[in-house]
Amino acid sequence: MTVVSAQRRGSLLGVVDRFWRKSGYRVTAINSHIDAPAIYVKTKDGFQVSLTVADKGQVHFDVDSPCVRRSEVADSTSRATAFLDPEAQLIPRPNIHSDFWSAGAPGVAASRS
């Protein structure tokens, strides 16, 4: 939920791109669109991972797994950091300020970390 300003989005994708390449991930596509940049990679074990910037700068990491067998998944041991109302009609927007990542983004709440 951290606000990533338009001025910092390219930096975020660059940091992630370098880390993923260093980790041996194969880049399958890069979208250099000014408002909606994205990077897509594939891991050595077949996972497809992406980092995309969507509407209003909402940043998403998505992971698609290769075929797997069904298994039980334990409940999360940590509390969600954002309120997610299943009845909500609006997409939650980033609202946490970071002195670095939010630089140049007006009108965001201060972090309470």
PDB file of N, CA and C in Angstrom:
ATOM      1  N   MET A   1       0.814  -1.192   0.000  1.00  0.00           N
ATOM      2  CA  MET A   1       0.000   0.000   0.000  1.00  0.00           C
ATOM      3  C   MET A   1       0.863   1.264   0.000  1.00  0.00           C
ATOM      4  N   THR A   2       2.169   1.130  -0.201  1.00  0.00           N
ATOM      5  CA  THR A   2       3.051   2.286  -0.270  1.00  0.00           C
ATOM      6  C   THR A   2       2.842   3.036  -1.575  1.00  0.00           C
ATOM      7  N   VAL A   3       2.749   4.341  -1.481  1.00  0.00           N
ATOM      8  CA  VAL A   3       2.632   5.180  -2.666  1.00  0.00           C
ATOM      9  C   VAL A   3       3.985   5.191  -3.365  1.00  0.00           C
ATOM     10  N   VAL A   4       3.998   4.775  -4.637  1.00  0.00           N
ATOM     11  CA  VAL A   4       5.198   4.867  -5.468  1.00  0.00           C
ATOM     12  C   VAL A   4       4.912   5.949  -6.495  1.00  0.00           C
ATOM     13  N   SER A   5       5.597   7.076  -6.352  1.00  0.00           N
ATOM     14  CA  SER A   5       5.329   8.210  -7.231  1.00  0.00           C
ATOM     15  C   SER A   5       5.694   7.867  -8.672  1.00  0.00           C
ATOM     16  N   ALA A   6       5.106   8.602  -9.598  1.00  0.00           N
ATOM     17  CA  ALA A   6       5.406   8.407 -11.020  1.00  0.00           C
ATOM     18  C   ALA A   6       6.906   8.557 -11.266  1.00  0.00           C
ATOM     19  N   GLN A   7       7.555   9.441 -10.509  1.00  0.00           N
ATOM     20  CA  GLN A   7       8.985   9.675 -10.679  1.00  0.00           C
ATOM     21  C   GLN A   7       9.837   8.499 -10.207  1.00  0.00           C
ATOM     22  N   ARG A   8       9.304   7.659  -9.323  1.00  0.00           N
ATOM     23  CA  ARG A   8      10.074   6.535  -8.759  1.00  0.00           C
ATOM     24  C   ARG A   8       9.725   5.176  -9.357  1.00  0.00           C
ATOM     25  N   ARG A   9       8.685   5.089 -10.173  1.00  0.00           N
ATOM     26  CA  ARG A   9       8.246   3.778 -10.690  1.00  0.00           C
ATOM     27  C   ARG A   9       9.309   3.100 -11.533  1.00  0.00           C
ATOM     28  N   GLY A  10       9.982   3.860 -12.381  1.00  0.00           N
ATOM     29  CA  GLY A  10      11.058   3.278 -13.187  1.00  0.00           C
ATOM     30  C   GLY A  10      12.181   2.743 -12.317  1.00  0.00           C
ATOM     31  N   SER A  11      12.497   3.456 -11.235  1.00  0.00           N
ATOM     32  CA  SER A  11      13.536   3.001 -10.300  1.00  0.00           C
ATOM     33  C   SER A  11      13.133   1.697  -9.637  1.00  0.00           C
ATOM     34  N   LEU A  12      11.865   1.602  -9.224  1.00  0.00           N
ATOM     35  CA  LEU A  12      11.386   0.375  -8.593  1.00  0.00           C
ATOM     36  C   LEU A  12      11.513  -0.803  -9.552  1.00  0.00           C
ATOM     37  N   LEU A  13      11.054  -0.615 -10.779  1.00  0.00           N
ATOM     38  CA  LEU A  13      11.163  -1.703 -11.748  1.00  0.00           C
ATOM     39  C   LEU A  13      12.622  -2.041 -12.031  1.00  0.00           C
ATOM     40  N   GLY A  14      13.494  -1.046 -12.058  1.00  0.00           N
ATOM     41  CA  GLY A  14      14.922  -1.298 -12.283  1.00  0.00           C
ATOM     42  C   GLY A  14      15.543  -2.119 -11.175  1.00  0.00           C
ATOM     43  N   VAL A  15      15.222  -1.796  -9.930  1.00  0.00           N
ATOM     44  CA  VAL A  15      15.744  -2.549  -8.780  1.00  0.00           C
ATOM     45  C   VAL A  15      15.270  -3.996  -8.850  1.00  0.00           C
ATOM     46  N   VAL A  16      13.983  -4.180  -9.110  1.00  0.00           N
ATOM     47  CA  VAL A  16      13.423  -5.530  -9.189  1.00  0.00           C
ATOM     48  C   VAL A  16      14.023  -6.291 -10.369  1.00  0.00           C
ATOM     49  N   ASP A  17      14.148  -5.640 -11.522  1.00  0.00           N
ATOM     50  CA  ASP A  17      14.731  -6.251 -12.719  1.00  0.00           C
ATOM     51  C   ASP A  17      16.142  -6.763 -12.426  1.00  0.00           C
ATOM     52  N   ARG A  18      16.978  -5.918 -11.829  1.00  0.00           N
ATOM     53  CA  ARG A  18      18.357  -6.338 -11.527  1.00  0.00           C
ATOM     54  C   ARG A  18      18.382  -7.517 -10.563  1.00  0.00           C
ATOM     55  N   PHE A  19      17.526  -7.486  -9.527  1.00  0.00           N
ATOM     56  CA  PHE A  19      17.495  -8.587  -8.569  1.00  0.00           C
ATOM     57  C   PHE A  19      17.055  -9.884  -9.230  1.00  0.00           C
ATOM     58  N   TRP A  20      15.986  -9.803 -10.035  1.00  0.00           N
ATOM     59  CA  TRP A  20      15.489 -11.004 -10.689  1.00  0.00           C
ATOM     60  C   TRP A  20      16.529 -11.588 -11.647  1.00  0.00           C
ATOM     61  N   ARG A  21      17.189 -10.744 -12.418  1.00  0.00           N
ATOM     62  CA  ARG A  21      18.229 -11.251 -13.351  1.00  0.00           C
ATOM     63  C   ARG A  21      19.373 -11.887 -12.576  1.00  0.00           C
ATOM     64  N   LYS A  22      19.790 -11.230 -11.473  1.00  0.00           N
ATOM     65  CA  LYS A  22      20.865 -11.763 -10.635  1.00  0.00           C
ATOM     66  C   LYS A  22      20.470 -13.113 -10.028  1.00  0.00           C
ATOM     67  N   SER A  23      19.166 -13.299  -9.803  1.00  0.00           N
ATOM     68  CA  SER A  23      18.650 -14.536  -9.231  1.00  0.00           C
ATOM     69  C   SER A  23      18.453 -15.634 -10.273  1.00  0.00           C
ATOM     70  N   GLY A  24      18.771 -15.323 -11.538  1.00  0.00           N
ATOM     71  CA  GLY A  24      18.669 -16.329 -12.588  1.00  0.00           C
ATOM     72  C   GLY A  24      17.321 -16.389 -13.280  1.00  0.00           C
ATOM     73  N   TYR A  25      16.449 -15.429 -13.025  1.00  0.00           N
ATOM     74  CA  TYR A  25      15.147 -15.404 -13.696  1.00  0.00           C
ATOM     75  C   TYR A  25      15.347 -14.933 -15.138  1.00  0.00           C
ATOM     76  N   ARG A  26      14.545 -15.492 -16.049  1.00  0.00           N
ATOM     77  CA  ARG A  26      14.622 -15.113 -17.461  1.00  0.00           C
ATOM     78  C   ARG A  26      13.516 -14.106 -17.760  1.00  0.00           C
ATOM     79  N   VAL A  27      13.921 -12.933 -18.236  1.00  0.00           N
ATOM     80  CA  VAL A  27      12.946 -11.903 -18.573  1.00  0.00           C
ATOM     81  C   VAL A  27      12.202 -12.332 -19.833  1.00  0.00           C
ATOM     82  N   THR A  28      10.872 -12.351 -19.745  1.00  0.00           N
ATOM     83  CA  THR A  28      10.064 -12.746 -20.905  1.00  0.00           C
ATOM     84  C   THR A  28       9.439 -11.543 -21.597  1.00  0.00           C
ATOM     85  N   ALA A  29       9.248 -10.446 -20.854  1.00  0.00           N
ATOM     86  CA  ALA A  29       8.694  -9.229 -21.461  1.00  0.00           C
ATOM     87  C   ALA A  29       8.910  -8.042 -20.531  1.00  0.00           C
ATOM     88  N   ILE A  30       9.020  -6.868 -21.138  1.00  0.00           N
ATOM     89  CA  ILE A  30       9.079  -5.613 -20.403  1.00  0.00           C
ATOM     90  C   ILE A  30       8.132  -4.644 -21.082  1.00  0.00           C
ATOM     91  N   ASN A  31       7.305  -3.998 -20.288  1.00  0.00           N
ATOM     92  CA  ASN A  31       6.412  -2.960 -20.797  1.00  0.00           C
ATOM     93  C   ASN A  31       6.960  -1.636 -20.275  1.00  0.00           C
ATOM     94  N   SER A  32       7.422  -0.777 -21.162  1.00  0.00           N
ATOM     95  CA  SER A  32       8.021   0.490 -20.763  1.00  0.00           C
ATOM     96  C   SER A  32       7.030   1.645 -20.783  1.00  0.00           C
ATOM     97  N   HIS A  33       5.750   1.346 -20.796  1.00  0.00           N
ATOM     98  CA  HIS A  33       4.722   2.392 -20.832  1.00  0.00           C
ATOM     99  C   HIS A  33       4.908   3.354 -19.657  1.00  0.00           C
ATOM    100  N   ILE A  34       4.817   4.632 -19.907  1.00  0.00           N
ATOM    101  CA  ILE A  34       5.074   5.645 -18.881  1.00  0.00           C
ATOM    102  C   ILE A  34       4.111   5.539 -17.694  1.00  0.00           C
ATOM    103  N   ASP A  35       2.838   5.234 -17.951  1.00  0.00           N
ATOM    104  CA  ASP A  35       1.850   5.169 -16.873  1.00  0.00           C
ATOM    105  C   ASP A  35       1.653   3.770 -16.300  1.00  0.00           C
ATOM    106  N   ALA A  36       1.989   2.739 -17.071  1.00  0.00           N
ATOM    107  CA  ALA A  36       1.734   1.367 -16.628  1.00  0.00           C
ATOM    108  C   ALA A  36       2.914   0.453 -16.962  1.00  0.00           C
ATOM    109  N   PRO A  37       4.085   0.737 -16.386  1.00  0.00           N
ATOM    110  CA  PRO A  37       5.240  -0.119 -16.673  1.00  0.00           C
ATOM    111  C   PRO A  37       5.079  -1.498 -16.026  1.00  0.00           C
ATOM    112  N   ALA A  38       5.774  -2.481 -16.589  1.00  0.00           N
ATOM    113  CA  ALA A  38       5.696  -3.836 -16.049  1.00  0.00           C
ATOM    114  C   ALA A  38       6.910  -4.631 -16.492  1.00  0.00           C
ATOM    115  N   ILE A  39       7.230  -5.656 -15.720  1.00  0.00           N
ATOM    116  CA  ILE A  39       8.277  -6.608 -16.096  1.00  0.00           C
ATOM    117  C   ILE A  39       7.755  -8.004 -15.787  1.00  0.00           C
ATOM    118  N   TYR A  40       8.036  -8.932 -16.693  1.00  0.00           N
ATOM    119  CA  TYR A  40       7.569 -10.310 -16.586  1.00  0.00           C
ATOM    120  C   TYR A  40       8.775 -11.230 -16.686  1.00  0.00           C
ATOM    121  N   VAL A  41       8.873 -12.209 -15.788  1.00  0.00           N
ATOM    122  CA  VAL A  41       9.996 -13.144 -15.788  1.00  0.00           C
ATOM    123  C   VAL A  41       9.499 -14.563 -15.572  1.00  0.00           C
ATOM    124  N   LYS A  42      10.400 -15.505 -15.848  1.00  0.00           N
ATOM    125  CA  LYS A  42      10.127 -16.914 -15.571  1.00  0.00           C
ATOM    126  C   LYS A  42      11.307 -17.450 -14.778  1.00  0.00           C
ATOM    127  N   THR A  43      10.996 -18.186 -13.702  1.00  0.00           N
ATOM    128  CA  THR A  43      12.056 -18.752 -12.871  1.00  0.00           C
ATOM    129  C   THR A  43      12.523 -20.083 -13.455  1.00  0.00           C
ATOM    130  N   LYS A  44      13.643 -20.576 -12.959  1.00  0.00           N
ATOM    131  CA  LYS A  44      14.189 -21.845 -13.442  1.00  0.00           C
ATOM    132  C   LYS A  44      13.244 -23.017 -13.188  1.00  0.00           C
ATOM    133  N   ASP A  45      12.414 -22.903 -12.138  1.00  0.00           N
ATOM    134  CA  ASP A  45      11.496 -23.993 -11.831  1.00  0.00           C
ATOM    135  C   ASP A  45      10.095 -23.762 -12.371  1.00  0.00           C
ATOM    136  N   GLY A  46       9.949 -22.814 -13.312  1.00  0.00           N
ATOM    137  CA  GLY A  46       8.702 -22.669 -14.045  1.00  0.00           C
ATOM    138  C   GLY A  46       7.681 -21.680 -13.519  1.00  0.00           C
ATOM    139  N   PHE A  47       8.005 -20.977 -12.453  1.00  0.00           N
ATOM    140  CA  PHE A  47       7.081 -19.949 -11.979  1.00  0.00           C
ATOM    141  C   PHE A  47       7.159 -18.738 -12.893  1.00  0.00           C
ATOM    142  N   GLN A  48       6.026 -18.102 -13.152  1.00  0.00           N
ATOM    143  CA  GLN A  48       6.003 -16.858 -13.903  1.00  0.00           C
ATOM    144  C   GLN A  48       5.674 -15.752 -12.916  1.00  0.00           C
ATOM    145  N   VAL A  49       6.506 -14.725 -12.898  1.00  0.00           N
ATOM    146  CA  VAL A  49       6.388 -13.652 -11.918  1.00  0.00           C
ATOM    147  C   VAL A  49       6.321 -12.332 -12.663  1.00  0.00           C
ATOM    148  N   SER A  50       5.483 -11.418 -12.151  1.00  0.00           N
ATOM    149  CA  SER A  50       5.426 -10.099 -12.774  1.00  0.00           C
ATOM    150  C   SER A  50       5.305  -9.014 -11.718  1.00  0.00           C
ATOM    151  N   LEU A  51       5.795  -7.862 -12.076  1.00  0.00           N
ATOM    152  CA  LEU A  51       5.610  -6.642 -11.309  1.00  0.00           C
ATOM    153  C   LEU A  51       4.961  -5.662 -12.268  1.00  0.00           C
ATOM    154  N   THR A  52       3.777  -5.196 -11.930  1.00  0.00           N
ATOM    155  CA  THR A  52       3.061  -4.259 -12.799  1.00  0.00           C
ATOM    156  C   THR A  52       2.616  -3.049 -11.992  1.00  0.00           C
ATOM    157  N   VAL A  53       2.579  -1.922 -12.678  1.00  0.00           N
ATOM    158  CA  VAL A  53       2.016  -0.705 -12.090  1.00  0.00           C
ATOM    159  C   VAL A  53       0.690  -0.471 -12.795  1.00  0.00           C
ATOM    160  N   ALA A  54      -0.376  -0.435 -12.012  1.00  0.00           N
ATOM    161  CA  ALA A  54      -1.719  -0.296 -12.569  1.00  0.00           C
ATOM    162  C   ALA A  54      -2.275   1.098 -12.288  1.00  0.00           C
ATOM    163  N   ASP A  55      -3.581   1.216 -12.373  1.00  0.00           N
ATOM    164  CA  ASP A  55      -4.280   2.484 -12.199  1.00  0.00           C
ATOM    165  C   ASP A  55      -3.872   3.200 -10.911  1.00  0.00           C
ATOM    166  N   LYS A  56      -3.614   4.487 -11.024  1.00  0.00           N
ATOM    167  CA  LYS A  56      -3.260   5.354  -9.892  1.00  0.00           C
ATOM    168  C   LYS A  56      -1.975   4.920  -9.203  1.00  0.00           C
ATOM    169  N   GLY A  57      -1.110   4.166  -9.900  1.00  0.00           N
ATOM    170  CA  GLY A  57       0.166   3.769  -9.323  1.00  0.00           C
ATOM    171  C   GLY A  57       0.104   2.575  -8.395  1.00  0.00           C
ATOM    172  N   GLN A  58      -0.990   1.847  -8.391  1.00  0.00           N
ATOM    173  CA  GLN A  58      -1.098   0.641  -7.569  1.00  0.00           C
ATOM    174  C   GLN A  58      -0.112  -0.391  -8.112  1.00  0.00           C
ATOM    175  N   VAL A  59       0.822  -0.843  -7.287  1.00  0.00           N
ATOM    176  CA  VAL A  59       1.863  -1.782  -7.706  1.00  0.00           C
ATOM    177  C   VAL A  59       1.442  -3.193  -7.309  1.00  0.00           C
ATOM    178  N   HIS A  60       1.596  -4.136  -8.252  1.00  0.00           N
ATOM    179  CA  HIS A  60       1.191  -5.524  -8.020  1.00  0.00           C
ATOM    180  C   HIS A  60       2.342  -6.473  -8.341  1.00  0.00           C
ATOM    181  N   PHE A  61       2.562  -7.439  -7.456  1.00  0.00           N
ATOM    182  CA  PHE A  61       3.403  -8.594  -7.756  1.00  0.00           C
ATOM    183  C   PHE A  61       2.437  -9.746  -7.988  1.00  0.00           C
ATOM    184  N   ASP A  62       2.606 -10.450  -9.085  1.00  0.00           N
ATOM    185  CA  ASP A  62       1.778 -11.621  -9.364  1.00  0.00           C
ATOM    186  C   ASP A  62       2.694 -12.800  -9.623  1.00  0.00           C
ATOM    187  N   VAL A  63       2.261 -13.976  -9.162  1.00  0.00           N
ATOM    188  CA  VAL A  63       3.030 -15.202  -9.373  1.00  0.00           C
ATOM    189  C   VAL A  63       2.087 -16.281  -9.868  1.00  0.00           C
ATOM    190  N   ASP A  64       2.448 -16.902 -10.980  1.00  0.00           N
ATOM    191  CA  ASP A  64       1.718 -18.055 -11.502  1.00  0.00           C
ATOM    192  C   ASP A  64       2.624 -19.259 -11.339  1.00  0.00           C
ATOM    193  N   SER A  65       2.086 -20.306 -10.719  1.00  0.00           N
ATOM    194  CA  SER A  65       2.902 -21.492 -10.476  1.00  0.00           C
ATOM    195  C   SER A  65       2.751 -22.488 -11.610  1.00  0.00           C
ATOM    196  N   PRO A  66       3.784 -23.321 -11.782  1.00  0.00           N
ATOM    197  CA  PRO A  66       3.632 -24.426 -12.722  1.00  0.00           C
ATOM    198  C   PRO A  66       2.628 -25.413 -12.128  1.00  0.00           C
ATOM    199  N   CYS A  67       2.260 -26.422 -12.872  1.00  0.00           N
ATOM    200  CA  CYS A  67       1.297 -27.408 -12.367  1.00  0.00           C
ATOM    201  C   CYS A  67       1.791 -27.996 -11.047  1.00  0.00           C
ATOM    202  N   VAL A  68       0.885 -28.088 -10.106  1.00  0.00           N
ATOM    203  CA  VAL A  68       1.221 -28.639  -8.793  1.00  0.00           C
ATOM    204  C   VAL A  68       0.096 -29.554  -8.332  1.00  0.00           C
ATOM    205  N   ARG A  69       0.396 -30.365  -7.350  1.00  0.00           N
ATOM    206  CA  ARG A  69      -0.640 -31.204  -6.743  1.00  0.00           C
ATOM    207  C   ARG A  69      -1.393 -30.388  -5.704  1.00  0.00           C
ATOM    208  N   ARG A  70      -2.645 -30.723  -5.507  1.00  0.00           N
ATOM    209  CA  ARG A  70      -3.459 -30.060  -4.483  1.00  0.00           C
ATOM    210  C   ARG A  70      -2.881 -30.380  -3.115  1.00  0.00           C
ATOM    211  N   SER A  71      -2.813 -29.351  -2.253  1.00  0.00           N
ATOM    212  CA  SER A  71      -2.349 -29.558  -0.894  1.00  0.00           C
ATOM    213  C   SER A  71      -3.031 -28.554   0.027  1.00  0.00           C
ATOM    214  N   GLU A  72      -2.997 -28.854   1.312  1.00  0.00           N
ATOM    215  CA  GLU A  72      -3.578 -27.944   2.298  1.00  0.00           C
ATOM    216  C   GLU A  72      -2.681 -26.721   2.427  1.00  0.00           C
ATOM    217  N   VAL A  73      -3.303 -25.575   2.632  1.00  0.00           N
ATOM    218  CA  VAL A  73      -2.566 -24.337   2.825  1.00  0.00           C
ATOM    219  C   VAL A  73      -2.924 -23.805   4.201  1.00  0.00           C
ATOM    220  N   ALA A  74      -1.916 -23.539   5.006  1.00  0.00           N
ATOM    221  CA  ALA A  74      -2.147 -23.034   6.355  1.00  0.00           C
ATOM    222  C   ALA A  74      -2.642 -21.592   6.301  1.00  0.00           C
ATOM    223  N   ASP A  75      -3.434 -21.212   7.295  1.00  0.00           N
ATOM    224  CA  ASP A  75      -3.866 -19.824   7.405  1.00  0.00           C
ATOM    225  C   ASP A  75      -2.651 -18.947   7.668  1.00  0.00           C
ATOM    226  N   SER A  76      -2.735 -17.706   7.239  1.00  0.00           N
ATOM    227  CA  SER A  76      -1.654 -16.748   7.457  1.00  0.00           C
ATOM    228  C   SER A  76      -1.430 -16.544   8.946  1.00  0.00           C
ATOM    229  N   THR A  77      -0.178 -16.396   9.329  1.00  0.00           N
ATOM    230  CA  THR A  77       0.147 -16.149  10.731  1.00  0.00           C
ATOM    231  C   THR A  77       0.259 -14.658  11.028  1.00  0.00           C
ATOM    232  N   SER A  78       0.162 -13.817  10.001  1.00  0.00           N
ATOM    233  CA  SER A  78       0.247 -12.371  10.213  1.00  0.00           C
ATOM    234  C   SER A  78      -1.036 -11.690   9.773  1.00  0.00           C
ATOM    235  N   ARG A  79      -1.287 -10.535  10.333  1.00  0.00           N
ATOM    236  CA  ARG A  79      -2.467  -9.743  10.018  1.00  0.00           C
ATOM    237  C   ARG A  79      -2.253  -8.998   8.714  1.00  0.00           C
ATOM    238  N   ALA A  80      -3.294  -8.821   7.941  1.00  0.00           N
ATOM    239  CA  ALA A  80      -3.205  -8.050   6.701  1.00  0.00           C
ATOM    240  C   ALA A  80      -2.832  -6.610   7.028  1.00  0.00           C
ATOM    241  N   THR A  81      -2.074  -5.974   6.154  1.00  0.00           N
ATOM    242  CA  THR A  81      -1.664  -4.583   6.388  1.00  0.00           C
ATOM    243  C   THR A  81      -2.667  -3.597   5.823  1.00  0.00           C
ATOM    244  N   ALA A  82      -3.597  -4.065   5.019  1.00  0.00           N
ATOM    245  CA  ALA A  82      -4.601  -3.180   4.423  1.00  0.00           C
ATOM    246  C   ALA A  82      -5.974  -3.788   4.637  1.00  0.00           C
ATOM    247  N   PHE A  83      -6.934  -2.929   4.876  1.00  0.00           N
ATOM    248  CA  PHE A  83      -8.302  -3.389   5.032  1.00  0.00           C
ATOM    249  C   PHE A  83      -8.844  -3.794   3.670  1.00  0.00           C
ATOM    250  N   LEU A  84      -9.282  -5.024   3.538  1.00  0.00           N
ATOM    251  CA  LEU A  84      -9.829  -5.512   2.278  1.00  0.00           C
ATOM    252  C   LEU A  84     -11.274  -5.926   2.510  1.00  0.00           C
ATOM    253  N   ASP A  85     -12.185  -5.094   2.097  1.00  0.00           N
ATOM    254  CA  ASP A  85     -13.605  -5.331   2.278  1.00  0.00           C
ATOM    255  C   ASP A  85     -14.139  -6.089   1.067  1.00  0.00           C
ATOM    256  N   PRO A  86     -14.595  -7.336   1.257  1.00  0.00           N
ATOM    257  CA  PRO A  86     -15.080  -8.112   0.105  1.00  0.00           C
ATOM    258  C   PRO A  86     -16.307  -7.488  -0.554  1.00  0.00           C
ATOM    259  N   GLU A  87     -16.994  -6.601   0.142  1.00  0.00           N
ATOM    260  CA  GLU A  87     -18.167  -5.934  -0.414  1.00  0.00           C
ATOM    261  C   GLU A  87     -17.812  -4.603  -1.083  1.00  0.00           C
ATOM    262  N   ALA A  88     -16.565  -4.182  -0.980  1.00  0.00           N
ATOM    263  CA  ALA A  88     -16.158  -2.866  -1.489  1.00  0.00           C
ATOM    264  C   ALA A  88     -16.323  -2.782  -2.996  1.00  0.00           C
ATOM    265  N   GLN A  89     -16.746  -1.640  -3.463  1.00  0.00           N
ATOM    266  CA  GLN A  89     -16.897  -1.391  -4.886  1.00  0.00           C
ATOM    267  C   GLN A  89     -15.660  -0.727  -5.483  1.00  0.00           C
ATOM    268  N   LEU A  90     -14.815  -0.154  -4.637  1.00  0.00           N
ATOM    269  CA  LEU A  90     -13.635   0.557  -5.106  1.00  0.00           C
ATOM    270  C   LEU A  90     -12.375  -0.252  -4.833  1.00  0.00           C
ATOM    271  N   ILE A  91     -11.408  -0.122  -5.700  1.00  0.00           N
ATOM    272  CA  ILE A  91     -10.115  -0.764  -5.518  1.00  0.00           C
ATOM    273  C   ILE A  91      -9.346   0.066  -4.488  1.00  0.00           C
ATOM    274  N   PRO A  92      -8.780  -0.569  -3.447  1.00  0.00           N
ATOM    275  CA  PRO A  92      -7.997   0.208  -2.489  1.00  0.00           C
ATOM    276  C   PRO A  92      -6.809   0.859  -3.187  1.00  0.00           C
ATOM    277  N   ARG A  93      -6.510   2.070  -2.831  1.00  0.00           N
ATOM    278  CA  ARG A  93      -5.400   2.816  -3.428  1.00  0.00           C
ATOM    279  C   ARG A  93      -4.256   2.927  -2.429  1.00  0.00           C
ATOM    280  N   PRO A  94      -3.036   3.033  -2.934  1.00  0.00           N
ATOM    281  CA  PRO A  94      -1.895   3.209  -2.029  1.00  0.00           C
ATOM    282  C   PRO A  94      -2.115   4.444  -1.161  1.00  0.00           C
ATOM    283  N   ASN A  95      -1.771   4.329   0.135  1.00  0.00           N
ATOM    284  CA  ASN A  95      -1.987   5.458   1.034  1.00  0.00           C
ATOM    285  C   ASN A  95      -0.914   5.596   2.102  1.00  0.00           C
ATOM    286  N   ILE A  96       0.178   4.868   1.966  1.00  0.00           N
ATOM    287  CA  ILE A  96       1.256   4.942   2.950  1.00  0.00           C
ATOM    288  C   ILE A  96       2.442   5.670   2.323  1.00  0.00           C
ATOM    289  N   HIS A  97       2.921   6.697   3.002  1.00  0.00           N
ATOM    290  CA  HIS A  97       4.008   7.527   2.490  1.00  0.00           C
ATOM    291  C   HIS A  97       5.369   6.943   2.840  1.00  0.00           C
ATOM    292  N   SER A  98       6.256   6.940   1.862  1.00  0.00           N
ATOM    293  CA  SER A  98       7.665   6.590   2.050  1.00  0.00           C
ATOM    294  C   SER A  98       8.469   7.801   1.608  1.00  0.00           C
ATOM    295  N   ASP A  99       9.412   8.236   2.446  1.00  0.00           N
ATOM    296  CA  ASP A  99      10.210   9.403   2.075  1.00  0.00           C
ATOM    297  C   ASP A  99      10.907   9.208   0.730  1.00  0.00           C
ATOM    298  N   PHE A 100      11.312   7.972   0.413  1.00  0.00           N
ATOM    299  CA  PHE A 100      11.982   7.739  -0.865  1.00  0.00           C
ATOM    300  C   PHE A 100      10.995   7.405  -1.974  1.00  0.00           C
ATOM    301  N   TRP A 101      10.224   6.328  -1.824  1.00  0.00           N
ATOM    302  CA  TRP A 101       9.385   5.836  -2.918  1.00  0.00           C
ATOM    303  C   TRP A 101       8.241   6.777  -3.271  1.00  0.00           C
ATOM    304  N   SER A 102       7.786   7.580  -2.331  1.00  0.00           N
ATOM    305  CA  SER A 102       6.667   8.486  -2.593  1.00  0.00           C
ATOM    306  C   SER A 102       7.122   9.885  -3.010  1.00  0.00           C
ATOM    307  N   ALA A 103       8.424  10.097  -3.145  1.00  0.00           N
ATOM    308  CA  ALA A 103       8.944  11.431  -3.469  1.00  0.00           C
ATOM    309  C   ALA A 103       8.232  12.002  -4.688  1.00  0.00           C
ATOM    310  N   GLY A 104       7.709  13.200  -4.533  1.00  0.00           N
ATOM    311  CA  GLY A 104       7.005  13.856  -5.642  1.00  0.00           C
ATOM    312  C   GLY A 104       5.528  13.538  -5.682  1.00  0.00           C
ATOM    313  N   ALA A 105       5.027  12.717  -4.761  1.00  0.00           N
ATOM    314  CA  ALA A 105       3.604  12.360  -4.747  1.00  0.00           C
ATOM    315  C   ALA A 105       2.889  13.176  -3.665  1.00  0.00           C
ATOM    316  N   PRO A 106       2.042  14.115  -4.042  1.00  0.00           N
ATOM    317  CA  PRO A 106       1.360  14.954  -3.059  1.00  0.00           C
ATOM    318  C   PRO A 106       0.201  14.231  -2.370  1.00  0.00           C
ATOM    319  N   GLY A 107      -0.100  14.647  -1.153  1.00  0.00           N
ATOM    320  CA  GLY A 107      -1.336  14.240  -0.479  1.00  0.00           C
ATOM    321  C   GLY A 107      -1.435  12.806  -0.044  1.00  0.00           C
ATOM    322  N   VAL A 108      -0.388  12.237   0.577  1.00  0.00           N
ATOM    323  CA  VAL A 108      -0.488  10.871   1.073  1.00  0.00           C
ATOM    324  C   VAL A 108      -0.233  10.858   2.572  1.00  0.00           C
ATOM    325  N   ALA A 109      -0.809   9.872   3.240  1.00  0.00           N
ATOM    326  CA  ALA A 109      -0.670   9.764   4.699  1.00  0.00           C
ATOM    327  C   ALA A 109       0.737   9.350   5.078  1.00  0.00           C
ATOM    328  N   ALA A 110       1.169   9.765   6.244  1.00  0.00           N
ATOM    329  CA  ALA A 110       2.490   9.383   6.749  1.00  0.00           C
ATOM    330  C   ALA A 110       2.464   7.951   7.238  1.00  0.00           C
ATOM    331  N   SER A 111       3.573   7.262   7.084  1.00  0.00           N
ATOM    332  CA  SER A 111       3.705   5.887   7.544  1.00  0.00           C
ATOM    333  C   SER A 111       3.716   5.847   9.067  1.00  0.00           C
ATOM    334  N   ARG A 112       3.154   4.794   9.641  1.00  0.00           N
ATOM    335  CA  ARG A 112       3.143   4.632  11.091  1.00  0.00           C
ATOM    336  C   ARG A 112       3.921   3.388  11.475  1.00  0.00           C
ATOM    337  N   SER A 113       5.062   3.189  10.875  1.00  0.00           N
ATOM    338  CA  SER A 113       5.856   1.982  11.149  1.00  0.00           C
ATOM    339  C   SER A 113       6.615   2.100  12.442  1.00  0.00           C
TER     340      SER A 113
END
